[in-house]
Amino acid sequence: YAATLEDLKRRVRDARFTAQRRVNTELILLYQSIGQTLLERTESEAWGSGVITQLANDLRAEFPEMKGFSPSNLKYMRLFARGWPDSAAIGQQPAGQLPWGHLMLLLDKLELRGWQ
């Protein structure tokens, strides 16, 4: 019994970890996609911080259960898209396996910071 219980607990832990990584990767892809849109609009339509703030407010109103739609986080998404323009490479790279908070810390260290 004890060995079976330990095996089942290990399987549950493994499955939970795998699910968390998959959710994280999907969020990173979503954030890169949002950032890419913001990057394109900022460059083509000269969007400023006022538009970013309005988008943040509207997204938070539409998705109150989700965190991560602050104006500063949207700017991080835009910066992330500039640093990783190829979303296809994200899941294959360590960036797709890092939590968003860790990616923001890395982005703060990059020279891309001026592109916010």
PDB file of N, CA and C in Angstrom:
ATOM      1  N   TYR A   1       0.817  -1.197   0.000  1.00  0.00           N
ATOM      2  CA  TYR A   1       0.000   0.000   0.000  1.00  0.00           C
ATOM      3  C   TYR A   1       0.860   1.259   0.000  1.00  0.00           C
ATOM      4  N   ALA A   2       1.844   1.324   0.859  1.00  0.00           N
ATOM      5  CA  ALA A   2       2.675   2.523   0.987  1.00  0.00           C
ATOM      6  C   ALA A   2       3.371   2.860  -0.331  1.00  0.00           C
ATOM      7  N   ALA A   3       3.879   1.854  -1.007  1.00  0.00           N
ATOM      8  CA  ALA A   3       4.561   2.095  -2.284  1.00  0.00           C
ATOM      9  C   ALA A   3       3.577   2.618  -3.342  1.00  0.00           C
ATOM     10  N   THR A   4       2.376   2.065  -3.353  1.00  0.00           N
ATOM     11  CA  THR A   4       1.358   2.527  -4.302  1.00  0.00           C
ATOM     12  C   THR A   4       0.969   3.977  -4.009  1.00  0.00           C
ATOM     13  N   LEU A   5       0.778   4.276  -2.742  1.00  0.00           N
ATOM     14  CA  LEU A   5       0.440   5.648  -2.354  1.00  0.00           C
ATOM     15  C   LEU A   5       1.540   6.618  -2.776  1.00  0.00           C
ATOM     16  N   GLU A   6       2.772   6.284  -2.532  1.00  0.00           N
ATOM     17  CA  GLU A   6       3.895   7.151  -2.917  1.00  0.00           C
ATOM     18  C   GLU A   6       3.947   7.343  -4.434  1.00  0.00           C
ATOM     19  N   ASP A   7       3.705   6.256  -5.174  1.00  0.00           N
ATOM     20  CA  ASP A   7       3.696   6.351  -6.627  1.00  0.00           C
ATOM     21  C   ASP A   7       2.583   7.278  -7.107  1.00  0.00           C
ATOM     22  N   LEU A   8       1.393   7.144  -6.529  1.00  0.00           N
ATOM     23  CA  LEU A   8       0.268   7.995  -6.920  1.00  0.00           C
ATOM     24  C   LEU A   8       0.532   9.459  -6.570  1.00  0.00           C
ATOM     25  N   LYS A   9       1.098   9.711  -5.414  1.00  0.00           N
ATOM     26  CA  LYS A   9       1.419  11.085  -5.017  1.00  0.00           C
ATOM     27  C   LYS A   9       2.452  11.692  -5.965  1.00  0.00           C
ATOM     28  N   ARG A  10       3.435  10.898  -6.372  1.00  0.00           N
ATOM     29  CA  ARG A  10       4.444  11.381  -7.319  1.00  0.00           C
ATOM     30  C   ARG A  10       3.808  11.727  -8.648  1.00  0.00           C
ATOM     31  N   ARG A  11       2.883  10.871  -9.103  1.00  0.00           N
ATOM     32  CA  ARG A  11       2.200  11.135 -10.370  1.00  0.00           C
ATOM     33  C   ARG A  11       1.376  12.417 -10.313  1.00  0.00           C
ATOM     34  N   VAL A  12       0.691  12.613  -9.191  1.00  0.00           N
ATOM     35  CA  VAL A  12      -0.106  13.833  -9.031  1.00  0.00           C
ATOM     36  C   VAL A  12       0.806  15.058  -9.055  1.00  0.00           C
ATOM     37  N   ARG A  13       1.908  14.993  -8.321  1.00  0.00           N
ATOM     38  CA  ARG A  13       2.851  16.121  -8.310  1.00  0.00           C
ATOM     39  C   ARG A  13       3.421  16.384  -9.698  1.00  0.00           C
ATOM     40  N   ASP A  14       3.800  15.329 -10.389  1.00  0.00           N
ATOM     41  CA  ASP A  14       4.345  15.478 -11.748  1.00  0.00           C
ATOM     42  C   ASP A  14       3.319  16.108 -12.689  1.00  0.00           C
ATOM     43  N   ALA A  15       2.090  15.641 -12.606  1.00  0.00           N
ATOM     44  CA  ALA A  15       1.038  16.182 -13.470  1.00  0.00           C
ATOM     45  C   ALA A  15       0.754  17.642 -13.145  1.00  0.00           C
ATOM     46  N   ARG A  16       0.743  17.980 -11.876  1.00  0.00           N
ATOM     47  CA  ARG A  16       0.525  19.379 -11.485  1.00  0.00           C
ATOM     48  C   ARG A  16       1.643  20.269 -12.005  1.00  0.00           C
ATOM     49  N   PHE A  17       2.874  19.804 -11.893  1.00  0.00           N
ATOM     50  CA  PHE A  17       4.014  20.579 -12.382  1.00  0.00           C
ATOM     51  C   PHE A  17       3.927  20.763 -13.897  1.00  0.00           C
ATOM     52  N   THR A  18       3.592  19.705 -14.614  1.00  0.00           N
ATOM     53  CA  THR A  18       3.455  19.788 -16.065  1.00  0.00           C
ATOM     54  C   THR A  18       2.346  20.761 -16.447  1.00  0.00           C
ATOM     55  N   ALA A  19       1.231  20.698 -15.755  1.00  0.00           N
ATOM     56  CA  ALA A  19       0.123  21.618 -16.034  1.00  0.00           C
ATOM     57  C   ALA A  19       0.529  23.068 -15.779  1.00  0.00           C
ATOM     58  N   GLN A  20       1.234  23.317 -14.691  1.00  0.00           N
ATOM     59  CA  GLN A  20       1.690  24.673 -14.391  1.00  0.00           C
ATOM     60  C   GLN A  20       2.614  25.192 -15.478  1.00  0.00           C
ATOM     61  N   ARG A  21       3.519  24.358 -15.955  1.00  0.00           N
ATOM     62  CA  ARG A  21       4.439  24.781 -17.016  1.00  0.00           C
ATOM     63  C   ARG A  21       3.692  25.077 -18.303  1.00  0.00           C
ATOM     64  N   ARG A  22       2.689  24.275 -18.618  1.00  0.00           N
ATOM     65  CA  ARG A  22       1.909  24.511 -19.841  1.00  0.00           C
ATOM     66  C   ARG A  22       1.110  25.801 -19.744  1.00  0.00           C
ATOM     67  N   VAL A  23       0.503  26.036 -18.593  1.00  0.00           N
ATOM     68  CA  VAL A  23      -0.236  27.281 -18.391  1.00  0.00           C
ATOM     69  C   VAL A  23       0.721  28.460 -18.492  1.00  0.00           C
ATOM     70  N   ASN A  24       1.877  28.350 -17.872  1.00  0.00           N
ATOM     71  CA  ASN A  24       2.859  29.428 -17.928  1.00  0.00           C
ATOM     72  C   ASN A  24       3.265  29.705 -19.372  1.00  0.00           C
ATOM     73  N   THR A  25       3.535  28.669 -20.147  1.00  0.00           N
ATOM     74  CA  THR A  25       3.929  28.860 -21.536  1.00  0.00           C
ATOM     75  C   THR A  25       2.824  29.547 -22.323  1.00  0.00           C
ATOM     76  N   GLU A  26       1.578  29.151 -22.098  1.00  0.00           N
ATOM     77  CA  GLU A  26       0.457  29.793 -22.791  1.00  0.00           C
ATOM     78  C   GLU A  26       0.342  31.271 -22.410  1.00  0.00           C
ATOM     79  N   LEU A  27       0.541  31.582 -21.137  1.00  0.00           N
ATOM     80  CA  LEU A  27       0.504  32.985 -20.713  1.00  0.00           C
ATOM     81  C   LEU A  27       1.628  33.786 -21.358  1.00  0.00           C
ATOM     82  N   ILE A  28       2.806  33.205 -21.426  1.00  0.00           N
ATOM     83  CA  ILE A  28       3.940  33.887 -22.042  1.00  0.00           C
ATOM     84  C   ILE A  28       3.634  34.144 -23.520  1.00  0.00           C
ATOM     85  N   LEU A  29       3.069  33.162 -24.204  1.00  0.00           N
ATOM     86  CA  LEU A  29       2.694  33.357 -25.605  1.00  0.00           C
ATOM     87  C   LEU A  29       1.630  34.434 -25.754  1.00  0.00           C
ATOM     88  N   LEU A  30       0.655  34.448 -24.851  1.00  0.00           N
ATOM     89  CA  LEU A  30      -0.367  35.494 -24.871  1.00  0.00           C
ATOM     90  C   LEU A  30       0.271  36.858 -24.668  1.00  0.00           C
ATOM     91  N   TYR A  31       1.144  36.969 -23.672  1.00  0.00           N
ATOM     92  CA  TYR A  31       1.791  38.252 -23.394  1.00  0.00           C
ATOM     93  C   TYR A  31       2.655  38.709 -24.563  1.00  0.00           C
ATOM     94  N   GLN A  32       3.327  37.780 -25.226  1.00  0.00           N
ATOM     95  CA  GLN A  32       4.144  38.149 -26.381  1.00  0.00           C
ATOM     96  C   GLN A  32       3.241  38.638 -27.507  1.00  0.00           C
ATOM     97  N   SER A  33       2.118  37.985 -27.705  1.00  0.00           N
ATOM     98  CA  SER A  33       1.168  38.380 -28.741  1.00  0.00           C
ATOM     99  C   SER A  33       0.589  39.770 -28.466  1.00  0.00           C
ATOM    100  N   ILE A  34       0.190  40.001 -27.229  1.00  0.00           N
ATOM    101  CA  ILE A  34      -0.311  41.327 -26.850  1.00  0.00           C
ATOM    102  C   ILE A  34       0.790  42.357 -27.061  1.00  0.00           C
ATOM    103  N   GLY A  35       1.989  42.022 -26.623  1.00  0.00           N
ATOM    104  CA  GLY A  35       3.112  42.939 -26.781  1.00  0.00           C
ATOM    105  C   GLY A  35       3.402  43.246 -28.229  1.00  0.00           C
ATOM    106  N   GLN A  36       3.305  42.234 -29.091  1.00  0.00           N
ATOM    107  CA  GLN A  36       3.539  42.442 -30.523  1.00  0.00           C
ATOM    108  C   GLN A  36       2.509  43.407 -31.096  1.00  0.00           C
ATOM    109  N   THR A  37       1.260  43.241 -30.706  1.00  0.00           N
ATOM    110  CA  THR A  37       0.211  44.155 -31.160  1.00  0.00           C
ATOM    111  C   THR A  37       0.495  45.570 -30.676  1.00  0.00           C
ATOM    112  N   LEU A  38       0.853  45.705 -29.412  1.00  0.00           N
ATOM    113  CA  LEU A  38       1.163  47.027 -28.868  1.00  0.00           C
ATOM    114  C   LEU A  38       2.364  47.647 -29.571  1.00  0.00           C
ATOM    115  N   LEU A  39       3.364  46.829 -29.842  1.00  0.00           N
ATOM    116  CA  LEU A  39       4.556  47.310 -30.534  1.00  0.00           C
ATOM    117  C   LEU A  39       4.196  47.830 -31.924  1.00  0.00           C
ATOM    118  N   GLU A  40       3.420  47.067 -32.659  1.00  0.00           N
ATOM    119  CA  GLU A  40       3.017  47.476 -34.003  1.00  0.00           C
ATOM    120  C   GLU A  40       2.188  48.745 -33.975  1.00  0.00           C
ATOM    121  N   ARG A  41       1.232  48.818 -33.062  1.00  0.00           N
ATOM    122  CA  ARG A  41       0.362  49.997 -32.996  1.00  0.00           C
ATOM    123  C   ARG A  41       1.130  51.236 -32.517  1.00  0.00           C
ATOM    124  N   THR A  42       2.031  51.023 -31.577  1.00  0.00           N
ATOM    125  CA  THR A  42       2.828  52.145 -31.077  1.00  0.00           C
ATOM    126  C   THR A  42       3.664  52.741 -32.202  1.00  0.00           C
ATOM    127  N   GLU A  43       4.234  51.876 -33.035  1.00  0.00           N
ATOM    128  CA  GLU A  43       5.083  52.355 -34.123  1.00  0.00           C
ATOM    129  C   GLU A  43       4.267  52.921 -35.277  1.00  0.00           C
ATOM    130  N   SER A  44       3.146  52.295 -35.629  1.00  0.00           N
ATOM    131  CA  SER A  44       2.389  52.739 -36.801  1.00  0.00           C
ATOM    132  C   SER A  44       1.395  53.860 -36.497  1.00  0.00           C
ATOM    133  N   GLU A  45       0.909  53.912 -35.267  1.00  0.00           N
ATOM    134  CA  GLU A  45      -0.124  54.896 -34.933  1.00  0.00           C
ATOM    135  C   GLU A  45       0.294  55.843 -33.822  1.00  0.00           C
ATOM    136  N   ALA A  46       1.568  55.780 -33.446  1.00  0.00           N
ATOM    137  CA  ALA A  46       2.129  56.675 -32.421  1.00  0.00           C
ATOM    138  C   ALA A  46       1.321  56.654 -31.127  1.00  0.00           C
ATOM    139  N   TRP A  47       0.954  55.447 -30.694  1.00  0.00           N
ATOM    140  CA  TRP A  47       0.254  55.333 -29.424  1.00  0.00           C
ATOM    141  C   TRP A  47       1.186  55.729 -28.299  1.00  0.00           C
ATOM    142  N   GLY A  48       0.666  56.450 -27.344  1.00  0.00           N
ATOM    143  CA  GLY A  48       1.446  56.836 -26.182  1.00  0.00           C
ATOM    144  C   GLY A  48       0.976  56.123 -24.934  1.00  0.00           C
ATOM    145  N   SER A  49       1.454  56.609 -23.790  1.00  0.00           N
ATOM    146  CA  SER A  49       1.125  55.955 -22.528  1.00  0.00           C
ATOM    147  C   SER A  49      -0.357  56.082 -22.178  1.00  0.00           C
ATOM    148  N   GLY A  50      -1.027  57.107 -22.696  1.00  0.00           N
ATOM    149  CA  GLY A  50      -2.459  57.256 -22.431  1.00  0.00           C
ATOM    150  C   GLY A  50      -3.268  56.111 -23.011  1.00  0.00           C
ATOM    151  N   VAL A  51      -2.905  55.695 -24.211  1.00  0.00           N
ATOM    152  CA  VAL A  51      -3.607  54.570 -24.843  1.00  0.00           C
ATOM    153  C   VAL A  51      -3.307  53.281 -24.091  1.00  0.00           C
ATOM    154  N   ILE A  52      -2.062  53.113 -23.674  1.00  0.00           N
ATOM    155  CA  ILE A  52      -1.683  51.918 -22.909  1.00  0.00           C
ATOM    156  C   ILE A  52      -2.485  51.866 -21.605  1.00  0.00           C
ATOM    157  N   THR A  53      -2.609  52.989 -20.935  1.00  0.00           N
ATOM    158  CA  THR A  53      -3.376  53.049 -19.693  1.00  0.00           C
ATOM    159  C   THR A  53      -4.837  52.714 -19.932  1.00  0.00           C
ATOM    160  N   GLN A  54      -5.403  53.243 -21.010  1.00  0.00           N
ATOM    161  CA  GLN A  54      -6.804  52.955 -21.327  1.00  0.00           C
ATOM    162  C   GLN A  54      -6.999  51.481 -21.655  1.00  0.00           C
ATOM    163  N   LEU A  55      -6.079  50.914 -22.427  1.00  0.00           N
ATOM    164  CA  LEU A  55      -6.153  49.479 -22.722  1.00  0.00           C
ATOM    165  C   LEU A  55      -6.078  48.653 -21.443  1.00  0.00           C
ATOM    166  N   ALA A  56      -5.175  49.036 -20.551  1.00  0.00           N
ATOM    167  CA  ALA A  56      -5.036  48.313 -19.282  1.00  0.00           C
ATOM    168  C   ALA A  56      -6.349  48.360 -18.502  1.00  0.00           C
ATOM    169  N   ASN A  57      -6.945  49.534 -18.418  1.00  0.00           N
ATOM    170  CA  ASN A  57      -8.223  49.676 -17.698  1.00  0.00           C
ATOM    171  C   ASN A  57      -9.316  48.828 -18.334  1.00  0.00           C
ATOM    172  N   ASP A  58      -9.395  48.864 -19.659  1.00  0.00           N
ATOM    173  CA  ASP A  58     -10.433  48.108 -20.353  1.00  0.00           C
ATOM    174  C   ASP A  58     -10.224  46.601 -20.224  1.00  0.00           C
ATOM    175  N   LEU A  59      -8.984  46.147 -20.318  1.00  0.00           N
ATOM    176  CA  LEU A  59      -8.716  44.715 -20.162  1.00  0.00           C
ATOM    177  C   LEU A  59      -9.002  44.242 -18.745  1.00  0.00           C
ATOM    178  N   ARG A  60      -8.645  45.040 -17.753  1.00  0.00           N
ATOM    179  CA  ARG A  60      -8.939  44.654 -16.366  1.00  0.00           C
ATOM    180  C   ARG A  60     -10.434  44.629 -16.107  1.00  0.00           C
ATOM    181  N   ALA A  61     -11.176  45.543 -16.743  1.00  0.00           N
ATOM    182  CA  ALA A  61     -12.634  45.543 -16.575  1.00  0.00           C
ATOM    183  C   ALA A  61     -13.262  44.309 -17.214  1.00  0.00           C
ATOM    184  N   GLU A  62     -12.742  43.911 -18.358  1.00  0.00           N
ATOM    185  CA  GLU A  62     -13.283  42.745 -19.067  1.00  0.00           C
ATOM    186  C   GLU A  62     -12.892  41.421 -18.416  1.00  0.00           C
ATOM    187  N   PHE A  63     -11.677  41.385 -17.838  1.00  0.00           N
ATOM    188  CA  PHE A  63     -11.156  40.150 -17.245  1.00  0.00           C
ATOM    189  C   PHE A  63     -10.729  40.412 -15.798  1.00  0.00           C
ATOM    190  N   PRO A  64     -11.675  40.707 -14.909  1.00  0.00           N
ATOM    191  CA  PRO A  64     -11.309  41.066 -13.522  1.00  0.00           C
ATOM    192  C   PRO A  64     -10.637  39.929 -12.754  1.00  0.00           C
ATOM    193  N   GLU A  65     -10.840  38.702 -13.198  1.00  0.00           N
ATOM    194  CA  GLU A  65     -10.237  37.562 -12.496  1.00  0.00           C
ATOM    195  C   GLU A  65      -8.771  37.367 -12.860  1.00  0.00           C
ATOM    196  N   MET A  66      -8.315  38.039 -13.900  1.00  0.00           N
ATOM    197  CA  MET A  66      -6.928  37.893 -14.348  1.00  0.00           C
ATOM    198  C   MET A  66      -6.078  39.037 -13.808  1.00  0.00           C
ATOM    199  N   LYS A  67      -4.867  38.699 -13.453  1.00  0.00           N
ATOM    200  CA  LYS A  67      -3.907  39.717 -13.068  1.00  0.00           C
ATOM    201  C   LYS A  67      -2.952  39.906 -14.244  1.00  0.00           C
ATOM    202  N   GLY A  68      -2.254  41.009 -14.266  1.00  0.00           N
ATOM    203  CA  GLY A  68      -1.233  41.192 -15.289  1.00  0.00           C
ATOM    204  C   GLY A  68      -1.570  42.202 -16.355  1.00  0.00           C
ATOM    205  N   PHE A  69      -2.663  42.938 -16.201  1.00  0.00           N
ATOM    206  CA  PHE A  69      -3.024  43.909 -17.221  1.00  0.00           C
ATOM    207  C   PHE A  69      -2.832  45.350 -16.758  1.00  0.00           C
ATOM    208  N   SER A  70      -1.868  45.577 -15.903  1.00  0.00           N
ATOM    209  CA  SER A  70      -1.550  46.952 -15.499  1.00  0.00           C
ATOM    210  C   SER A  70      -0.843  47.655 -16.651  1.00  0.00           C
ATOM    211  N   PRO A  71      -0.839  48.986 -16.660  1.00  0.00           N
ATOM    212  CA  PRO A  71      -0.102  49.702 -17.713  1.00  0.00           C
ATOM    213  C   PRO A  71       1.377  49.300 -17.769  1.00  0.00           C
ATOM    214  N   SER A  72       2.000  49.164 -16.607  1.00  0.00           N
ATOM    215  CA  SER A  72       3.422  48.804 -16.627  1.00  0.00           C
ATOM    216  C   SER A  72       3.622  47.391 -17.170  1.00  0.00           C
ATOM    217  N   ASN A  73       2.713  46.481 -16.888  1.00  0.00           N
ATOM    218  CA  ASN A  73       2.847  45.124 -17.415  1.00  0.00           C
ATOM    219  C   ASN A  73       2.621  45.098 -18.926  1.00  0.00           C
ATOM    220  N   LEU A  74       1.700  45.922 -19.422  1.00  0.00           N
ATOM    221  CA  LEU A  74       1.518  46.006 -20.870  1.00  0.00           C
ATOM    222  C   LEU A  74       2.787  46.538 -21.537  1.00  0.00           C
ATOM    223  N   LYS A  75       3.463  47.451 -20.888  1.00  0.00           N
ATOM    224  CA  LYS A  75       4.735  47.955 -21.421  1.00  0.00           C
ATOM    225  C   LYS A  75       5.797  46.863 -21.408  1.00  0.00           C
ATOM    226  N   TYR A  76       5.791  46.043 -20.367  1.00  0.00           N
ATOM    227  CA  TYR A  76       6.695  44.887 -20.343  1.00  0.00           C
ATOM    228  C   TYR A  76       6.377  43.926 -21.491  1.00  0.00           C
ATOM    229  N   MET A  77       5.101  43.735 -21.774  1.00  0.00           N
ATOM    230  CA  MET A  77       4.718  42.853 -22.876  1.00  0.00           C
ATOM    231  C   MET A  77       5.258  43.397 -24.189  1.00  0.00           C
ATOM    232  N   ARG A  78       5.147  44.695 -24.370  1.00  0.00           N
ATOM    233  CA  ARG A  78       5.669  45.322 -25.587  1.00  0.00           C
ATOM    234  C   ARG A  78       7.190  45.154 -25.665  1.00  0.00           C
ATOM    235  N   LEU A  79       7.838  45.345 -24.545  1.00  0.00           N
ATOM    236  CA  LEU A  79       9.288  45.177 -24.484  1.00  0.00           C
ATOM    237  C   LEU A  79       9.677  43.720 -24.751  1.00  0.00           C
ATOM    238  N   PHE A  80       8.903  42.810 -24.212  1.00  0.00           N
ATOM    239  CA  PHE A  80       9.138  41.384 -24.431  1.00  0.00           C
ATOM    240  C   PHE A  80       9.019  41.035 -25.912  1.00  0.00           C
ATOM    241  N   ALA A  81       8.004  41.583 -26.578  1.00  0.00           N
ATOM    242  CA  ALA A  81       7.824  41.332 -28.011  1.00  0.00           C
ATOM    243  C   ALA A  81       8.997  41.888 -28.816  1.00  0.00           C
ATOM    244  N   ARG A  82       9.546  42.989 -28.383  1.00  0.00           N
ATOM    245  CA  ARG A  82      10.711  43.552 -29.070  1.00  0.00           C
ATOM    246  C   ARG A  82      11.921  42.618 -28.878  1.00  0.00           C
ATOM    247  N   GLY A  83      12.083  42.101 -27.682  1.00  0.00           N
ATOM    248  CA  GLY A  83      13.212  41.221 -27.390  1.00  0.00           C
ATOM    249  C   GLY A  83      13.069  39.823 -27.960  1.00  0.00           C
ATOM    250  N   TRP A  84      11.822  39.322 -28.057  1.00  0.00           N
ATOM    251  CA  TRP A  84      11.537  37.984 -28.587  1.00  0.00           C
ATOM    252  C   TRP A  84      10.446  38.107 -29.645  1.00  0.00           C
ATOM    253  N   PRO A  85      10.807  38.602 -30.834  1.00  0.00           N
ATOM    254  CA  PRO A  85       9.780  38.818 -31.855  1.00  0.00           C
ATOM    255  C   PRO A  85       9.206  37.539 -32.453  1.00  0.00           C
ATOM    256  N   ASP A  86       9.910  36.433 -32.334  1.00  0.00           N
ATOM    257  CA  ASP A  86       9.456  35.169 -32.912  1.00  0.00           C
ATOM    258  C   ASP A  86       8.768  34.332 -31.842  1.00  0.00           C
ATOM    259  N   SER A  87       7.454  34.372 -31.831  1.00  0.00           N
ATOM    260  CA  SER A  87       6.713  33.636 -30.801  1.00  0.00           C
ATOM    261  C   SER A  87       6.885  32.130 -30.945  1.00  0.00           C
ATOM    262  N   ALA A  88       7.210  31.653 -32.136  1.00  0.00           N
ATOM    263  CA  ALA A  88       7.399  30.213 -32.340  1.00  0.00           C
ATOM    264  C   ALA A  88       8.592  29.691 -31.555  1.00  0.00           C
ATOM    265  N   ALA A  89       9.544  30.550 -31.259  1.00  0.00           N
ATOM    266  CA  ALA A  89      10.745  30.120 -30.539  1.00  0.00           C
ATOM    267  C   ALA A  89      10.542  30.118 -29.028  1.00  0.00           C
ATOM    268  N   ILE A  90       9.482  30.709 -28.551  1.00  0.00           N
ATOM    269  CA  ILE A  90       9.308  30.863 -27.103  1.00  0.00           C
ATOM    270  C   ILE A  90       9.152  29.521 -26.405  1.00  0.00           C
ATOM    271  N   GLY A  91       8.316  28.639 -26.897  1.00  0.00           N
ATOM    272  CA  GLY A  91       8.117  27.355 -26.245  1.00  0.00           C
ATOM    273  C   GLY A  91       9.343  26.466 -26.305  1.00  0.00           C
ATOM    274  N   GLN A  92      10.211  26.727 -27.274  1.00  0.00           N
ATOM    275  CA  GLN A  92      11.411  25.918 -27.425  1.00  0.00           C
ATOM    276  C   GLN A  92      12.566  26.479 -26.604  1.00  0.00           C
ATOM    277  N   GLN A  93      12.433  27.686 -26.142  1.00  0.00           N
ATOM    278  CA  GLN A  93      13.504  28.366 -25.423  1.00  0.00           C
ATOM    279  C   GLN A  93      13.193  28.397 -23.925  1.00  0.00           C
ATOM    280  N   PRO A  94      14.197  28.605 -23.104  1.00  0.00           N
ATOM    281  CA  PRO A  94      13.954  28.727 -21.667  1.00  0.00           C
ATOM    282  C   PRO A  94      12.982  29.852 -21.318  1.00  0.00           C
ATOM    283  N   ALA A  95      12.886  30.879 -22.169  1.00  0.00           N
ATOM    284  CA  ALA A  95      11.960  31.980 -21.882  1.00  0.00           C
ATOM    285  C   ALA A  95      10.531  31.484 -21.730  1.00  0.00           C
ATOM    286  N   GLY A  96      10.176  30.432 -22.448  1.00  0.00           N
ATOM    287  CA  GLY A  96       8.833  29.878 -22.352  1.00  0.00           C
ATOM    288  C   GLY A  96       8.601  29.077 -21.090  1.00  0.00           C
ATOM    289  N   GLN A  97       9.648  28.827 -20.350  1.00  0.00           N
ATOM    290  CA  GLN A  97       9.537  28.036 -19.141  1.00  0.00           C
ATOM    291  C   GLN A  97       9.693  28.865 -17.871  1.00  0.00           C
ATOM    292  N   LEU A  98      10.039  30.140 -18.042  1.00  0.00           N
ATOM    293  CA  LEU A  98      10.201  31.020 -16.886  1.00  0.00           C
ATOM    294  C   LEU A  98       8.882  31.691 -16.544  1.00  0.00           C
ATOM    295  N   PRO A  99       8.616  31.915 -15.286  1.00  0.00           N
ATOM    296  CA  PRO A  99       7.431  32.685 -14.913  1.00  0.00           C
ATOM    297  C   PRO A  99       7.557  34.122 -15.405  1.00  0.00           C
ATOM    298  N   TRP A 100       6.426  34.772 -15.631  1.00  0.00           N
ATOM    299  CA  TRP A 100       6.415  36.137 -16.141  1.00  0.00           C
ATOM    300  C   TRP A 100       7.219  37.084 -15.250  1.00  0.00           C
ATOM    301  N   GLY A 101       7.135  36.944 -13.966  1.00  0.00           N
ATOM    302  CA  GLY A 101       7.893  37.819 -13.054  1.00  0.00           C
ATOM    303  C   GLY A 101       9.395  37.738 -13.287  1.00  0.00           C
ATOM    304  N   HIS A 102       9.893  36.550 -13.564  1.00  0.00           N
ATOM    305  CA  HIS A 102      11.322  36.395 -13.847  1.00  0.00           C
ATOM    306  C   HIS A 102      11.687  37.045 -15.178  1.00  0.00           C
ATOM    307  N   LEU A 103      10.791  36.921 -16.154  1.00  0.00           N
ATOM    308  CA  LEU A 103      11.057  37.560 -17.441  1.00  0.00           C
ATOM    309  C   LEU A 103      11.102  39.078 -17.297  1.00  0.00           C
ATOM    310  N   MET A 104      10.225  39.642 -16.474  1.00  0.00           N
ATOM    311  CA  MET A 104      10.250  41.094 -16.262  1.00  0.00           C
ATOM    312  C   MET A 104      11.575  41.520 -15.636  1.00  0.00           C
ATOM    313  N   LEU A 105      12.085  40.740 -14.699  1.00  0.00           N
ATOM    314  CA  LEU A 105      13.392  41.061 -14.100  1.00  0.00           C
ATOM    315  C   LEU A 105      14.489  41.048 -15.154  1.00  0.00           C
ATOM    316  N   LEU A 106      14.462  40.068 -16.048  1.00  0.00           N
ATOM    317  CA  LEU A 106      15.457  40.012 -17.114  1.00  0.00           C
ATOM    318  C   LEU A 106      15.312  41.197 -18.070  1.00  0.00           C
ATOM    319  N   LEU A 107      14.076  41.542 -18.395  1.00  0.00           N
ATOM    320  CA  LEU A 107      13.847  42.666 -19.298  1.00  0.00           C
ATOM    321  C   LEU A 107      14.377  43.966 -18.714  1.00  0.00           C
ATOM    322  N   ASP A 108      14.281  44.108 -17.410  1.00  0.00           N
ATOM    323  CA  ASP A 108      14.814  45.302 -16.756  1.00  0.00           C
ATOM    324  C   ASP A 108      16.317  45.437 -16.965  1.00  0.00           C
ATOM    325  N   LYS A 109      16.992  44.318 -17.179  1.00  0.00           N
ATOM    326  CA  LYS A 109      18.448  44.320 -17.326  1.00  0.00           C
ATOM    327  C   LYS A 109      18.895  44.543 -18.768  1.00  0.00           C
ATOM    328  N   LEU A 110      18.000  44.379 -19.719  1.00  0.00           N
ATOM    329  CA  LEU A 110      18.358  44.484 -21.131  1.00  0.00           C
ATOM    330  C   LEU A 110      18.446  45.935 -21.578  1.00  0.00           C
ATOM    331  N   GLU A 111      19.204  46.159 -22.607  1.00  0.00           N
ATOM    332  CA  GLU A 111      19.313  47.495 -23.183  1.00  0.00           C
ATOM    333  C   GLU A 111      18.038  47.899 -23.909  1.00  0.00           C
ATOM    334  N   LEU A 112      17.117  46.978 -24.119  1.00  0.00           N
ATOM    335  CA  LEU A 112      15.864  47.277 -24.762  1.00  0.00           C
ATOM    336  C   LEU A 112      14.975  48.180 -23.920  1.00  0.00           C
ATOM    337  N   ARG A 113      15.345  48.368 -22.671  1.00  0.00           N
ATOM    338  CA  ARG A 113      14.527  49.108 -21.706  1.00  0.00           C
ATOM    339  C   ARG A 113      14.073  50.461 -22.262  1.00  0.00           C
ATOM    340  N   GLY A 114      14.902  51.131 -23.028  1.00  0.00           N
ATOM    341  CA  GLY A 114      14.539  52.414 -23.582  1.00  0.00           C
ATOM    342  C   GLY A 114      13.421  52.365 -24.597  1.00  0.00           C
ATOM    343  N   TRP A 115      13.038  51.165 -25.020  1.00  0.00           N
ATOM    344  CA  TRP A 115      12.003  51.011 -26.030  1.00  0.00           C
ATOM    345  C   TRP A 115      10.617  50.900 -25.438  1.00  0.00           C
ATOM    346  N   GLN A 116      10.497  51.048 -24.142  1.00  0.00           N
ATOM    347  CA  GLN A 116       9.176  50.957 -23.516  1.00  0.00           C
ATOM    348  C   GLN A 116       8.295  52.015 -24.068  1.00  0.00           C
TER     349      GLN A 116
END
